[in-house]
Amino acid sequence: MPLDPASRLGSAVLEGVVEAQSELLRFLGSRLAKTAAAFGQLAACRTPAEIVQLQLQLGADAATDCLAQAQRMIGVMEKAASENLALVP
Protein backbone atom coordinates (compact mmCIF):
# COMPACT_ATOMS: atom_id res chain seq x y z
CA MET A 1 0.00 0.00 0.00
CA PRO A 2 1.63 3.31 -1.04
CA LEU A 3 2.11 5.97 1.59
CA ASP A 4 0.26 9.22 1.32
CA PRO A 5 2.36 12.40 0.84
CA ALA A 6 2.16 13.37 4.51
CA SER A 7 3.42 9.97 5.60
CA ARG A 8 6.29 10.09 3.10
CA LEU A 9 7.22 13.56 4.31
CA GLY A 10 7.09 12.47 7.96
CA SER A 11 9.29 9.49 7.18
CA ALA A 12 11.80 11.69 5.35
CA VAL A 13 11.90 14.17 8.24
CA LEU A 14 12.53 11.34 10.68
CA GLU A 15 15.35 10.00 8.49
CA GLY A 16 16.95 13.46 8.52
CA VAL A 17 16.71 13.68 12.30
CA VAL A 18 18.28 10.22 12.69
CA GLU A 19 21.13 11.15 10.32
CA ALA A 20 21.77 14.41 12.19
CA GLN A 21 21.79 12.66 15.57
CA SER A 22 24.11 9.94 14.29
CA GLU A 23 26.53 12.57 12.98
CA LEU A 24 26.42 14.44 16.27
CA LEU A 25 27.07 11.27 18.27
CA ARG A 26 30.00 10.41 16.00
CA PHE A 27 31.45 13.87 16.61
CA LEU A 28 30.94 13.69 20.37
CA GLY A 29 32.64 10.29 20.51
CA SER A 30 35.58 11.61 18.53
CA ARG A 31 35.94 14.69 20.74
CA LEU A 32 35.68 12.57 23.88
CA ALA A 33 38.51 10.33 22.65
CA LYS A 34 40.64 13.37 21.86
CA THR A 35 39.92 14.86 25.28
CA ALA A 36 40.91 11.62 26.99
CA ALA A 37 44.16 11.56 25.00
CA ALA A 38 44.81 15.16 26.02
CA PHE A 39 44.93 14.17 29.70
CA GLY A 40 47.80 11.81 28.91
CA GLN A 41 49.58 14.54 26.97
CA LEU A 42 49.13 16.99 29.84
CA ALA A 43 50.56 14.47 32.27
CA ALA A 44 53.68 14.23 30.09
CA CYS A 45 54.32 17.98 30.25
CA ARG A 46 57.33 18.94 32.38
CA THR A 47 57.16 22.74 32.42
CA PRO A 48 54.41 25.35 32.62
CA ALA A 49 55.40 26.49 29.13
CA GLU A 50 54.75 23.00 27.75
CA ILE A 51 51.33 22.99 29.42
CA VAL A 52 50.42 26.37 27.95
CA GLN A 53 51.63 25.32 24.50
CA LEU A 54 49.65 22.08 24.66
CA GLN A 55 46.52 23.87 25.87
CA LEU A 56 46.79 26.33 22.97
CA GLN A 57 47.17 23.46 20.52
CA LEU A 58 44.29 21.50 22.03
CA GLY A 59 42.07 24.58 21.91
CA ALA A 60 42.94 25.22 18.27
CA ASP A 61 42.29 21.57 17.41
CA ALA A 62 38.92 21.64 19.19
CA ALA A 63 37.92 24.84 17.38
CA THR A 64 38.90 23.30 14.03
CA ASP A 65 36.92 20.15 14.83
CA CYS A 66 33.86 22.16 15.87
CA LEU A 67 33.95 24.26 12.71
CA ALA A 68 34.25 21.14 10.56
CA GLN A 69 31.37 19.55 12.46
CA ALA A 70 29.20 22.63 12.00
CA GLN A 71 29.86 22.43 8.26
CA ARG A 72 28.96 18.72 8.23
CA MET A 73 25.74 19.40 10.14
CA ILE A 74 24.80 22.15 7.70
CA GLY A 75 25.33 19.65 4.90
CA VAL A 76 23.11 17.09 6.64
CA MET A 77 20.40 19.70 7.16
CA GLU A 78 20.63 20.96 3.57
CA LYS A 79 20.32 17.40 2.27
CA ALA A 80 17.32 16.69 4.48
CA ALA A 81 15.65 19.95 3.51
CA SER A 82 16.08 19.38 -0.21
CA GLU A 83 14.84 15.80 0.05
CA ASN A 84 11.87 16.85 2.16
CA LEU A 85 10.93 19.72 -0.15
CA ALA A 86 10.87 17.31 -3.05
CA LEU A 87 8.12 15.38 -1.25
CA VAL A 88 5.88 18.39 -0.66
CA PRO A 89 2.95 18.24 -3.07
C-alpha atoms as a PDB file:
ATOM      1  CA  MET A   1       0.000   0.000   0.000  1.00  0.00           C
ATOM      2  CA  PRO A   2       1.629   3.305  -1.043  1.00  0.00           C
ATOM      3  CA  LEU A   3       2.115   5.972   1.585  1.00  0.00           C
ATOM      4  CA  ASP A   4       0.260   9.218   1.324  1.00  0.00           C
ATOM      5  CA  PRO A   5       2.362  12.399   0.837  1.00  0.00           C
ATOM      6  CA  ALA A   6       2.157  13.372   4.512  1.00  0.00           C
ATOM      7  CA  SER A   7       3.423   9.967   5.600  1.00  0.00           C
ATOM      8  CA  ARG A   8       6.293  10.092   3.100  1.00  0.00           C
ATOM      9  CA  LEU A   9       7.220  13.559   4.314  1.00  0.00           C
ATOM     10  CA  GLY A  10       7.087  12.466   7.958  1.00  0.00           C
ATOM     11  CA  SER A  11       9.291   9.487   7.179  1.00  0.00           C
ATOM     12  CA  ALA A  12      11.799  11.692   5.352  1.00  0.00           C
ATOM     13  CA  VAL A  13      11.901  14.172   8.236  1.00  0.00           C
ATOM     14  CA  LEU A  14      12.531  11.341  10.683  1.00  0.00           C
ATOM     15  CA  GLU A  15      15.353  10.002   8.489  1.00  0.00           C
ATOM     16  CA  GLY A  16      16.953  13.459   8.516  1.00  0.00           C
ATOM     17  CA  VAL A  17      16.714  13.676  12.297  1.00  0.00           C
ATOM     18  CA  VAL A  18      18.284  10.222  12.686  1.00  0.00           C
ATOM     19  CA  GLU A  19      21.129  11.146  10.322  1.00  0.00           C
ATOM     20  CA  ALA A  20      21.772  14.415  12.191  1.00  0.00           C
ATOM     21  CA  GLN A  21      21.786  12.662  15.569  1.00  0.00           C
ATOM     22  CA  SER A  22      24.112   9.945  14.287  1.00  0.00           C
ATOM     23  CA  GLU A  23      26.525  12.566  12.978  1.00  0.00           C
ATOM     24  CA  LEU A  24      26.415  14.442  16.267  1.00  0.00           C
ATOM     25  CA  LEU A  25      27.070  11.272  18.272  1.00  0.00           C
ATOM     26  CA  ARG A  26      29.999  10.405  16.000  1.00  0.00           C
ATOM     27  CA  PHE A  27      31.452  13.868  16.609  1.00  0.00           C
ATOM     28  CA  LEU A  28      30.945  13.690  20.371  1.00  0.00           C
ATOM     29  CA  GLY A  29      32.638  10.290  20.507  1.00  0.00           C
ATOM     30  CA  SER A  30      35.578  11.614  18.531  1.00  0.00           C
ATOM     31  CA  ARG A  31      35.945  14.691  20.739  1.00  0.00           C
ATOM     32  CA  LEU A  32      35.680  12.567  23.877  1.00  0.00           C
ATOM     33  CA  ALA A  33      38.506  10.328  22.649  1.00  0.00           C
ATOM     34  CA  LYS A  34      40.645  13.374  21.861  1.00  0.00           C
ATOM     35  CA  THR A  35      39.920  14.865  25.283  1.00  0.00           C
ATOM     36  CA  ALA A  36      40.912  11.618  26.992  1.00  0.00           C
ATOM     37  CA  ALA A  37      44.160  11.558  24.995  1.00  0.00           C
ATOM     38  CA  ALA A  38      44.814  15.158  26.019  1.00  0.00           C
ATOM     39  CA  PHE A  39      44.930  14.171  29.697  1.00  0.00           C
ATOM     40  CA  GLY A  40      47.796  11.815  28.909  1.00  0.00           C
ATOM     41  CA  GLN A  41      49.579  14.537  26.966  1.00  0.00           C
ATOM     42  CA  LEU A  42      49.128  16.993  29.841  1.00  0.00           C
ATOM     43  CA  ALA A  43      50.557  14.465  32.272  1.00  0.00           C
ATOM     44  CA  ALA A  44      53.676  14.230  30.091  1.00  0.00           C
ATOM     45  CA  CYS A  45      54.323  17.977  30.254  1.00  0.00           C
ATOM     46  CA  ARG A  46      57.328  18.935  32.384  1.00  0.00           C
ATOM     47  CA  THR A  47      57.156  22.736  32.420  1.00  0.00           C
ATOM     48  CA  PRO A  48      54.412  25.347  32.621  1.00  0.00           C
ATOM     49  CA  ALA A  49      55.397  26.494  29.130  1.00  0.00           C
ATOM     50  CA  GLU A  50      54.749  22.998  27.747  1.00  0.00           C
ATOM     51  CA  ILE A  51      51.334  22.991  29.421  1.00  0.00           C
ATOM     52  CA  VAL A  52      50.420  26.374  27.946  1.00  0.00           C
ATOM     53  CA  GLN A  53      51.628  25.316  24.496  1.00  0.00           C
ATOM     54  CA  LEU A  54      49.648  22.085  24.661  1.00  0.00           C
ATOM     55  CA  GLN A  55      46.524  23.869  25.868  1.00  0.00           C
ATOM     56  CA  LEU A  56      46.786  26.325  22.973  1.00  0.00           C
ATOM     57  CA  GLN A  57      47.166  23.463  20.519  1.00  0.00           C
ATOM     58  CA  LEU A  58      44.290  21.503  22.035  1.00  0.00           C
ATOM     59  CA  GLY A  59      42.067  24.581  21.912  1.00  0.00           C
ATOM     60  CA  ALA A  60      42.944  25.223  18.270  1.00  0.00           C
ATOM     61  CA  ASP A  61      42.293  21.573  17.406  1.00  0.00           C
ATOM     62  CA  ALA A  62      38.921  21.645  19.191  1.00  0.00           C
ATOM     63  CA  ALA A  63      37.921  24.842  17.384  1.00  0.00           C
ATOM     64  CA  THR A  64      38.903  23.303  14.027  1.00  0.00           C
ATOM     65  CA  ASP A  65      36.925  20.148  14.828  1.00  0.00           C
ATOM     66  CA  CYS A  66      33.864  22.160  15.874  1.00  0.00           C
ATOM     67  CA  LEU A  67      33.951  24.260  12.706  1.00  0.00           C
ATOM     68  CA  ALA A  68      34.250  21.143  10.556  1.00  0.00           C
ATOM     69  CA  GLN A  69      31.370  19.554  12.460  1.00  0.00           C
ATOM     70  CA  ALA A  70      29.201  22.627  11.995  1.00  0.00           C
ATOM     71  CA  GLN A  71      29.858  22.433   8.262  1.00  0.00           C
ATOM     72  CA  ARG A  72      28.959  18.724   8.228  1.00  0.00           C
ATOM     73  CA  MET A  73      25.738  19.402  10.141  1.00  0.00           C
ATOM     74  CA  ILE A  74      24.801  22.154   7.702  1.00  0.00           C
ATOM     75  CA  GLY A  75      25.325  19.651   4.899  1.00  0.00           C
ATOM     76  CA  VAL A  76      23.114  17.091   6.635  1.00  0.00           C
ATOM     77  CA  MET A  77      20.396  19.705   7.157  1.00  0.00           C
ATOM     78  CA  GLU A  78      20.630  20.960   3.568  1.00  0.00           C
ATOM     79  CA  LYS A  79      20.322  17.405   2.265  1.00  0.00           C
ATOM     80  CA  ALA A  80      17.324  16.693   4.484  1.00  0.00           C
ATOM     81  CA  ALA A  81      15.647  19.951   3.514  1.00  0.00           C
ATOM     82  CA  SER A  82      16.080  19.381  -0.205  1.00  0.00           C
ATOM     83  CA  GLU A  83      14.842  15.796   0.054  1.00  0.00           C
ATOM     84  CA  ASN A  84      11.870  16.854   2.156  1.00  0.00           C
ATOM     85  CA  LEU A  85      10.928  19.723  -0.145  1.00  0.00           C
ATOM     86  CA  ALA A  86      10.874  17.307  -3.051  1.00  0.00           C
ATOM     87  CA  LEU A  87       8.121  15.382  -1.253  1.00  0.00           C
ATOM     88  CA  VAL A  88       5.883  18.394  -0.656  1.00  0.00           C
ATOM     89  CA  PRO A  89       2.953  18.237  -3.067  1.00  0.00           C
END
